[in-house]
Protein backbone atom coordinates (compact mmCIF):
# COMPACT_ATOMS: atom_id res chain seq x y z
CA MET A 1 -0.67 0.15 -0.06
CA LEU A 2 2.86 2.22 0.74
CA LYS A 3 3.87 1.63 -2.10
CA LYS A 4 1.44 2.75 -4.35
CA ILE A 5 1.31 5.82 -2.30
CA LEU A 6 5.07 6.77 -3.38
CA ILE A 7 4.42 5.70 -7.05
CA PHE A 8 0.95 7.62 -7.19
CA ILE A 9 2.75 11.09 -6.09
CA LEU A 10 5.66 10.50 -8.10
CA ILE A 11 3.63 10.51 -11.05
CA ASN A 12 1.45 13.50 -9.87
CA PHE A 13 5.30 15.57 -9.40
CA LEU A 14 6.07 14.30 -13.60
CA PHE A 15 3.40 14.08 -15.56
CA THR A 16 0.93 17.14 -14.63
CA PHE A 17 2.53 20.19 -13.17
CA PRO A 18 5.15 21.68 -15.94
CA ALA A 19 8.97 20.81 -14.87
CA ASN A 20 9.58 24.47 -14.37
CA ALA A 21 6.76 24.81 -11.85
CA VAL A 22 7.06 24.95 -7.96
CA VAL A 23 4.64 22.30 -6.24
CA LYS A 24 3.23 23.33 -2.94
CA ARG A 25 0.66 20.75 -1.69
CA CYS A 26 -1.78 22.57 0.78
CA SER A 27 -5.06 22.62 2.05
CA VAL A 28 -8.53 23.49 0.85
CA GLU A 29 -8.40 26.29 4.30
CA GLU A 30 -4.61 27.03 3.22
CA ALA A 31 -5.47 27.71 -1.00
CA VAL A 32 -8.75 30.04 0.53
CA ASN A 33 -6.45 31.60 2.46
CA LEU A 34 -3.93 32.26 -0.13
CA ALA A 35 -6.84 33.10 -2.57
CA LEU A 36 -8.32 35.96 -0.32
CA LYS A 37 -4.97 37.54 0.25
CA ASN A 38 -3.58 37.88 -3.19
CA ASN A 39 -6.25 36.99 -6.03
CA LEU A 40 -6.43 39.86 -9.04
CA ALA A 41 -9.21 39.95 -9.23
CA LEU A 42 -11.03 40.39 -5.31
CA GLN A 43 -7.76 43.26 -5.30
CA ALA A 44 -9.85 44.73 -8.36
CA LYS A 45 -12.98 45.10 -6.76
CA LYS A 46 -11.36 46.42 -3.42
CA LYS A 47 -10.85 49.30 -5.18
CA GLU A 48 -14.46 50.00 -6.29
CA LEU A 49 -14.36 51.23 -2.37
CA GLU A 50 -11.46 53.36 -2.31
CA ILE A 51 -13.69 54.97 -5.37
CA VAL A 52 -17.05 55.30 -3.43
CA LYS A 53 -15.15 56.83 -1.44
CA GLN A 54 -14.09 59.58 -3.24
CA ASP A 55 -17.60 59.72 -4.52
CA ILE A 56 -18.86 60.51 -1.26
CA GLN A 57 -16.04 63.61 -0.48
CA ILE A 58 -17.55 64.77 -4.63
CA ALA A 59 -21.27 64.04 -3.02
CA ASN A 60 -20.33 66.38 0.37
CA GLN A 61 -18.63 69.10 -1.91
CA LEU A 62 -19.51 72.67 -2.11
CA LYS A 63 -19.74 74.88 -5.34
CA ASN A 64 -16.41 76.98 -5.55
CA PRO A 65 -17.56 80.99 -5.58
CA GLN A 66 -17.19 82.70 -9.01
CA PHE A 67 -15.48 85.97 -9.66
CA GLN A 68 -17.74 88.62 -11.33
CA SER A 69 -17.39 91.99 -12.98
CA ASN A 70 -17.88 94.50 -15.50
CA PHE A 71 -15.24 97.27 -15.80
CA LEU A 72 -17.23 99.77 -18.67
CA ILE A 73 -15.02 101.77 -20.93
CA GLY A 74 -15.89 104.76 -22.56
CA LYS A 75 -19.07 107.70 -22.01
CA VAL A 76 -21.01 104.90 -20.56
CA THR A 77 -19.05 105.47 -17.61
CA GLU A 78 -20.84 108.62 -17.37
CA GLY A 79 -23.77 107.95 -14.16
CA ASN A 80 -22.62 103.83 -14.44
CA SER A 81 -20.39 101.99 -12.12
CA SER A 82 -17.87 99.44 -13.42
CA GLN A 83 -18.51 96.17 -10.38
CA PHE A 84 -16.55 93.91 -9.37
CA GLY A 85 -16.84 90.95 -6.76
CA ILE A 86 -17.79 87.31 -5.85
CA ALA A 87 -20.81 85.43 -6.02
CA VAL A 88 -21.24 82.34 -3.34
CA PRO A 89 -23.62 79.67 -4.82
CA VAL A 90 -25.54 78.35 -2.01
CA GLU A 91 -27.35 74.76 -2.34
CA VAL A 92 -30.21 74.22 -0.38
CA SER A 93 -31.27 71.34 1.01
CA LYS A 94 -29.45 69.32 -1.49
CA ARG A 95 -25.76 68.11 -0.05
CA GLY A 96 -27.12 66.36 2.52
CA VAL A 97 -29.59 64.01 1.31
CA ARG A 98 -26.42 63.64 -2.32
CA LYS A 99 -24.30 62.16 0.70
CA ARG A 100 -26.88 60.06 1.79
CA ALA A 101 -26.96 58.65 -1.40
CA ALA A 102 -23.41 58.10 -1.93
CA LEU A 103 -23.16 56.36 1.55
CA ALA A 104 -25.73 54.42 0.49
CA GLN A 105 -23.40 53.25 -2.51
CA TYR A 106 -20.98 52.47 -0.25
CA ASP A 107 -23.03 50.23 2.00
CA ILE A 108 -23.89 48.51 -1.75
CA VAL A 109 -20.06 48.24 -2.72
CA GLU A 110 -18.90 47.01 0.62
CA ASN A 111 -21.22 44.04 0.53
CA GLU A 112 -20.26 43.11 -3.33
CA VAL A 113 -17.09 42.78 -2.03
CA ARG A 114 -17.74 40.66 1.28
CA ALA A 115 -19.64 39.03 -2.04
CA LYS A 116 -16.83 38.64 -4.02
CA GLU A 117 -14.56 36.90 -1.22
CA HIS A 118 -17.44 34.45 -0.23
CA GLU A 119 -17.39 33.23 -4.28
CA ILE A 120 -13.93 33.34 -4.74
CA LYS A 121 -14.05 30.88 -1.42
CA ILE A 122 -16.79 28.23 -3.20
CA ASP A 123 -14.88 28.74 -6.23
CA VAL A 124 -11.34 27.80 -4.89
CA MET A 125 -13.45 25.15 -2.71
CA ARG A 126 -14.83 24.07 -5.90
CA ALA A 127 -11.86 23.45 -8.17
CA TYR A 128 -9.63 22.27 -5.01
CA PHE A 129 -12.61 19.57 -4.88
CA GLU A 130 -12.38 18.80 -8.77
CA VAL A 131 -8.71 18.26 -8.70
CA LEU A 132 -9.26 15.90 -5.40
CA TYR A 133 -11.88 13.86 -7.72
CA HIS A 134 -9.51 13.00 -10.71
CA LYS A 135 -6.90 12.69 -8.55
CA SER A 136 -9.35 9.74 -7.64
CA MET A 137 -9.99 8.62 -11.23
CA VAL A 138 -6.31 8.74 -11.89
CA HIS A 139 -6.30 6.07 -8.72
CA ILE A 140 -8.69 4.40 -9.55
CA MET A 141 -6.97 3.69 -13.73
CA GLN A 142 -4.44 2.81 -11.75
CA ASP A 143 -5.57 0.19 -9.95
CA ARG A 144 -7.04 -1.00 -13.01
CA GLU A 145 -4.10 -1.10 -14.86
CA ASN A 146 -2.26 -3.02 -11.44
CA VAL A 147 -5.58 -5.62 -11.80
CA PHE A 148 -5.26 -6.53 -15.64
CA LYS A 149 -1.50 -6.01 -15.41
CA ASP A 150 -1.84 -9.51 -12.80
CA MET A 151 -4.61 -10.72 -15.44
CA TYR A 152 -2.05 -10.73 -17.81
CA ASP A 153 0.41 -12.19 -15.48
CA ILE A 154 -1.85 -14.88 -14.55
CA ALA A 155 -3.61 -16.06 -17.94
CA LYS A 156 0.65 -16.15 -19.12
CA GLU A 157 1.26 -18.45 -16.42
CA LYS A 158 -1.38 -21.11 -17.27
CA ALA A 159 -0.81 -24.10 -19.27
CA GLN A 160 0.54 -23.43 -23.67
CA LYS A 161 -1.59 -26.43 -24.11
CA SER A 162 -4.96 -24.88 -23.20
CA PRO A 163 -6.86 -24.69 -25.72
CA VAL A 164 -8.41 -20.67 -24.72
CA TYR A 165 -4.75 -20.04 -23.76
CA LYS A 166 -4.21 -17.87 -26.54
CA VAL A 167 -7.14 -15.81 -26.44
CA ASP A 168 -6.90 -15.17 -22.92
CA MET A 169 -3.25 -13.99 -23.39
CA LEU A 170 -4.94 -11.52 -26.76
CA GLN A 171 -7.03 -10.59 -24.28
CA ALA A 172 -5.54 -10.01 -21.55
CA ASP A 173 -2.84 -7.93 -23.18
CA ILE A 174 -5.49 -5.63 -25.64
CA ARG A 175 -7.51 -5.02 -21.74
CA TYR A 176 -4.12 -3.68 -20.14
CA LYS A 177 -3.25 -1.38 -23.73
CA LYS A 178 -6.14 -0.35 -23.75
CA GLN A 179 -5.87 0.83 -19.93
CA LEU A 180 -3.01 2.77 -20.24
CA VAL A 181 -4.72 5.18 -22.66
CA VAL A 182 -7.79 5.03 -20.32
CA LEU A 183 -5.74 6.59 -17.91
CA ASN A 184 -3.59 9.09 -19.68
CA LYS A 185 -6.70 10.58 -20.63
CA GLU A 186 -7.35 10.74 -17.01
CA LYS A 187 -3.82 12.36 -16.58
CA SER A 188 -5.17 14.89 -18.91
CA GLN A 189 -7.95 15.65 -17.35
CA LEU A 190 -5.65 15.93 -13.81
CA LEU A 191 -3.63 18.21 -15.38
CA ASN A 192 -6.51 20.60 -16.66
CA ALA A 193 -8.13 20.51 -13.04
CA GLN A 194 -4.67 21.69 -11.63
CA PHE A 195 -4.32 24.20 -13.70
CA HIS A 196 -8.05 25.86 -13.06
CA LEU A 197 -7.48 25.43 -9.53
CA ASN A 198 -4.37 27.94 -9.90
CA GLU A 199 -6.39 30.32 -11.92
CA VAL A 200 -9.64 30.61 -9.91
CA MET A 201 -7.01 31.51 -7.26
CA ASN A 202 -5.51 33.81 -9.90
CA MET A 203 -2.13 35.30 -8.10
CA ARG A 204 0.16 37.25 -9.54
CA ASP A 205 3.19 34.99 -8.79
CA THR A 206 2.27 32.19 -10.97
CA SER A 207 6.34 30.37 -10.54
CA ASP A 208 4.39 28.40 -8.05
CA MET A 209 1.87 25.56 -8.82
CA TYR A 210 -0.35 25.06 -5.99
CA ASP A 211 -2.06 21.32 -5.29
CA THR A 212 -4.05 19.66 -3.26
CA GLN A 213 -2.75 18.20 0.47
CA GLU A 214 -5.00 14.59 0.36
CA LEU A 215 -3.87 12.27 -2.54
CA TYR A 216 -7.91 11.54 -3.18
CA ILE A 217 -11.22 10.91 -1.63
CA LEU A 218 -11.23 7.30 -1.40
CA GLY A 219 -11.67 6.29 2.11
CA ASP A 220 -12.34 8.57 4.91
CA PRO A 221 -10.51 11.75 4.29
CA ALA A 222 -11.67 14.84 6.87
CA ILE A 223 -12.58 17.07 3.34
CA LEU A 224 -16.13 14.87 3.82
CA ASN A 225 -16.66 15.23 7.37
CA ILE A 226 -19.00 17.90 6.84
CA THR A 227 -22.28 18.34 9.50
CA LEU A 228 -25.00 20.45 8.68
CA PRO A 229 -27.56 21.91 10.67
CA ASP A 230 -31.55 21.90 10.53
CA TYR A 231 -32.82 22.93 7.26
CA LYS A 232 -34.72 25.56 9.22
CA VAL A 233 -31.63 26.84 10.64
CA ILE A 234 -30.54 27.21 7.34
CA GLU A 235 -33.07 29.10 5.74
CA ASP A 236 -33.58 31.84 8.80
CA THR A 237 -29.74 32.15 8.45
CA ALA A 238 -29.91 32.69 4.84
CA LEU A 239 -32.60 35.29 5.10
CA LYS A 240 -31.06 37.54 7.63
CA TYR A 241 -26.71 36.93 6.36
CA SER A 242 -26.94 35.95 2.62
CA TYR A 243 -24.86 38.71 1.11
CA ALA A 244 -27.30 38.89 -1.81
CA ILE A 245 -29.92 39.81 0.42
CA ARG A 246 -28.32 42.40 1.89
CA ILE A 247 -27.29 43.91 -1.28
CA ALA A 248 -31.04 43.76 -2.41
CA GLU A 249 -32.00 45.57 0.90
CA ASN A 250 -28.85 48.36 0.91
CA SER A 251 -30.52 48.67 -2.90
CA ILE A 252 -33.86 50.37 -1.75
CA VAL A 253 -31.84 52.09 0.82
CA LYS A 254 -30.12 53.70 -2.45
CA SER A 255 -33.04 53.68 -4.38
CA GLN A 256 -34.98 55.46 -1.27
CA ALA A 257 -32.30 57.71 -1.05
CA ASP A 258 -31.96 58.64 -4.68
CA LEU A 259 -35.76 59.44 -4.85
CA LYS A 260 -35.60 61.98 -2.13
CA VAL A 261 -32.44 63.54 -4.25
CA ALA A 262 -34.96 64.04 -6.65
CA ARG A 263 -37.26 65.40 -4.77
CA HIS A 264 -34.67 67.94 -3.39
CA LYS A 265 -33.81 69.17 -7.00
CA VAL A 266 -36.84 71.18 -6.93
CA ILE A 267 -36.05 73.32 -4.18
CA PRO A 268 -34.33 76.72 -5.68
CA ASP A 269 -30.52 77.20 -5.73
CA ALA A 270 -29.83 80.21 -4.70
CA ALA A 271 -26.44 82.65 -4.68
CA VAL A 272 -25.69 85.53 -2.94
CA ALA A 273 -22.74 88.27 -4.19
CA ALA A 274 -21.18 91.43 -2.88
CA GLY A 275 -17.88 93.07 -3.94
CA TYR A 276 -16.88 97.19 -5.20
CA ALA A 277 -18.44 99.52 -7.54
CA PHE A 278 -17.53 102.87 -8.59
CA GLN A 279 -17.70 105.52 -10.82
CA ARG A 280 -14.67 106.63 -13.33
CA SER A 281 -16.02 109.70 -14.53
CA THR A 282 -16.62 111.02 -10.77
CA HIS A 283 -14.26 108.83 -8.37
CA ILE A 284 -17.55 108.05 -6.27
CA GLY A 285 -16.60 104.04 -4.92
CA GLY A 286 -18.60 102.12 -2.42
CA ALA A 287 -19.68 98.40 -1.91
CA PHE A 288 -22.72 96.62 -3.13
CA VAL A 289 -24.76 93.43 -1.91
CA GLY A 290 -26.89 91.25 -4.61
CA ALA A 291 -29.09 87.75 -4.77
CA TYR A 292 -29.68 85.42 -7.24
CA MET A 293 -32.21 82.08 -7.40
CA ASP A 294 -32.82 79.35 -9.58
CA LEU A 295 -36.43 79.06 -11.03
CA PRO A 296 -37.83 75.93 -11.63
CA LEU A 297 -39.82 77.33 -14.24
CA PHE A 298 -38.88 74.87 -17.81
CA THR A 299 -37.74 72.34 -15.85
CA THR A 300 -39.98 70.37 -12.56
CA TYR A 301 -38.27 67.59 -12.04
CA ARG A 302 -40.98 65.56 -11.84
CA ALA A 303 -39.98 62.53 -14.69
CA ASP A 304 -36.78 62.53 -12.37
CA VAL A 305 -39.29 61.55 -9.43
CA ASN A 306 -41.15 59.84 -11.39
CA ARG A 307 -38.62 57.58 -12.57
CA ALA A 308 -37.08 57.68 -8.67
CA LYS A 309 -39.97 56.33 -7.27
CA VAL A 310 -39.85 53.17 -10.14
CA VAL A 311 -37.18 51.63 -9.18
CA VAL A 312 -37.59 51.93 -5.32
CA GLU A 313 -40.94 49.63 -5.92
CA LYS A 314 -38.47 47.42 -8.39
CA SER A 315 -35.98 47.55 -5.53
CA SER A 316 -38.54 46.00 -2.60
CA LEU A 317 -40.18 43.46 -5.74
CA ASP A 318 -36.54 42.42 -6.69
CA LYS A 319 -35.83 41.82 -2.59
CA GLU A 320 -39.11 39.64 -1.90
CA SER A 321 -38.22 37.75 -5.85
CA PHE A 322 -35.01 36.86 -4.61
CA GLU A 323 -35.76 35.42 -0.90
CA ASN A 324 -38.86 33.40 -3.17
CA LYS A 325 -36.59 31.87 -5.00
CA LEU A 326 -34.52 31.75 -2.51
CA LYS A 327 -36.03 29.28 -0.55
CA MET A 328 -37.01 26.57 -2.91
CA THR A 329 -33.44 26.41 -3.88
CA LEU A 330 -32.11 26.10 0.26
CA LYS A 331 -35.02 23.25 -0.08
CA GLN A 332 -33.92 21.61 -3.48
CA GLU A 333 -29.95 22.09 -2.26
CA TYR A 334 -30.32 20.50 1.44
CA ASN A 335 -32.38 17.77 0.49
CA GLU A 336 -29.50 16.67 -1.87
CA PHE A 337 -26.99 16.71 0.42
CA LYS A 338 -28.76 14.78 3.12
CA TYR A 339 -29.91 11.59 0.10
CA SER A 340 -26.22 12.05 -1.66
CA LYS A 341 -25.01 12.16 1.84
CA GLU A 342 -26.56 8.83 2.83
CA ASN A 343 -25.87 7.45 -1.07
CA ILE A 344 -22.35 7.27 -0.07
CA GLY A 345 -22.75 5.48 2.97
CA TYR A 346 -24.09 2.33 0.89
CA TYR A 347 -21.00 2.57 -1.08
CA LYS A 348 -18.99 2.40 1.13
CA GLU A 349 -20.89 -1.12 1.99
CA ILE A 350 -20.74 -2.23 -1.76
CA LEU A 351 -16.86 -1.14 -2.08
CA LYS A 352 -16.56 -3.17 0.68
CA GLU A 353 -18.02 -6.63 -0.37
CA SER A 354 -17.21 -5.83 -4.02
CA GLU A 355 -13.88 -5.81 -2.94
CA GLU A 356 -13.99 -9.52 -1.63
CA ILE A 357 -15.69 -10.74 -5.01
CA LEU A 358 -13.02 -9.21 -6.90
CA LYS A 359 -10.14 -10.92 -4.57
CA MET A 360 -12.27 -14.51 -4.49
CA SER A 361 -12.83 -14.43 -8.29
CA THR A 362 -9.19 -13.78 -9.00
CA ASN A 363 -7.95 -17.12 -6.80
CA ARG A 364 -10.58 -18.52 -8.90
CA TYR A 365 -9.40 -18.02 -11.99
CA ARG A 366 -5.60 -18.32 -10.88
CA HIS A 367 -6.44 -21.76 -9.99
CA GLY A 368 -8.24 -22.24 -13.48
CA GLU A 369 -11.55 -22.63 -11.57
CA THR A 370 -13.77 -19.85 -13.63
CA GLN A 371 -13.19 -18.73 -16.63
CA PHE A 372 -11.49 -14.84 -17.54
CA LEU A 373 -14.19 -13.60 -19.05
CA ASN A 374 -16.13 -13.73 -15.77
CA LEU A 375 -13.28 -12.32 -14.52
CA MET A 376 -13.34 -8.85 -16.25
CA ALA A 377 -16.96 -8.71 -15.99
CA ILE A 378 -16.26 -8.91 -11.68
CA GLU A 379 -13.38 -6.04 -12.60
CA HIS A 380 -15.51 -4.29 -14.35
CA GLN A 381 -18.33 -3.93 -11.92
CA ARG A 382 -16.21 -3.09 -9.72
CA GLN A 383 -14.66 -0.41 -11.19
CA GLU A 384 -18.05 0.85 -12.25
CA LEU A 385 -19.00 1.27 -8.06
CA LEU A 386 -15.58 2.97 -7.12
CA MET A 387 -16.53 5.33 -10.26
CA GLU A 388 -20.18 5.87 -9.00
CA TYR A 389 -19.28 6.41 -5.82
CA ILE A 390 -17.20 9.08 -6.89
CA SER A 391 -19.61 10.86 -9.05
CA ALA A 392 -21.92 10.40 -5.51
CA VAL A 393 -19.12 11.89 -3.65
CA LEU A 394 -18.66 15.12 -6.34
CA VAL A 395 -22.38 15.35 -5.34
CA TYR A 396 -22.57 15.32 -2.14
CA TYR A 397 -20.30 18.25 -2.20
CA ASP A 398 -21.15 20.40 -5.04
CA ALA A 399 -24.84 20.50 -2.91
CA TYR A 400 -23.24 20.97 0.20
CA LEU A 401 -21.08 24.49 -1.72
CA ASP A 402 -24.19 24.92 -3.54
CA LEU A 403 -25.53 25.71 0.63
CA MET A 404 -22.24 27.52 1.41
CA TYR A 405 -23.11 30.04 -1.15
CA ASN A 406 -26.43 31.47 -1.21
CA MET A 407 -25.94 31.20 2.89
CA GLY A 408 -22.47 32.54 3.75
CA HIS A 409 -19.63 29.71 4.52
CA ASP A 410 -18.20 32.06 7.11
CA ILE A 411 -21.96 32.91 8.75
CA LEU A 412 -22.40 28.78 8.97
CA LEU A 413 -18.78 28.25 11.08
CA GLU A 414 -19.82 30.98 13.43
CA GLU A 415 -21.14 28.31 16.20
CA GLU A 416 -23.39 31.66 18.31
CA ILE A 417 -25.31 32.81 15.63
CA LEU A 418 -26.27 28.85 14.41
């Protein structure tokens, strides 16, 4: 058994990653943490927070004062004055609501960043398990290769005068070589999965290639020891903490803030001015003050308000619609997880029985008590069961990840919330 494991590790290093890559094995937790720290797409998403921070500053800005002047030249200066001064625009009840709308947008982006982190976690976990799936398939194919090699050796040891000797030899040789082809195909799939894991992690330094800590998922690896709470707890947690629902709630707040901005547009802006006026002809001068305001006569902003109202209504409907769909999705995924976990238990028992049957049949063939084709049928059944088991595990883990995606994996691990 130890020899098989060492051979399996050697094959992974020699025939999967490129020769110039430094292969680093890591657990799924380490892979997730590396991605959250170094993922380029996540870093780009976090830049949006910095952008929105500047938008808040922009929304809170005061309008710049204006320098105004009119200098008269010629006879018009007789009895008229030239002026120069400063006019200060004054926004009436607009800057505060505009800033609150920008703050609401910040909350949306902040939760979008957290949702992106959550998405990357799930994507890395899924890609990590995909590598384990293909490693397990390679392991199965390698075991099958060994079985076919043993069958070939057994057939070769049988008496050559046997009427089926030549047929058994040819069948065993064909099976063995065909298995080598299948094994190479699965190694190629494994290599693609390993590259996909590193692509999902999306780190700037591509000189290191990360691989799974586990060799395969046969047996009872720790990655499969998953216990979920009751469905009601999952649904309540998802409805309270789902990032999608948080963003939907933030969108409602933002749309309500935008509605206030639209309603405040109708309030006239004003400006106050002050400066110095003088007559060149009489050399008389003095201060002046002035004021003006915008009048919403040609543009009443009614369309702006109506549009903002519709957006508020749409945001509320979007949240309600998502909650309804989320409940149904969670139920489907929970049932998928529950039944697939039960199936894995059955498959483990079946595999133990099939392994015992294969050993018994191999010994019977070695002693001439059964035909080669009978042994092949039993071996084929054994391999089909192994692949069915791996596929069942994949369904089980996918259902788990889907649940985590919709409710928040980090939230689930916080026992005080549950």
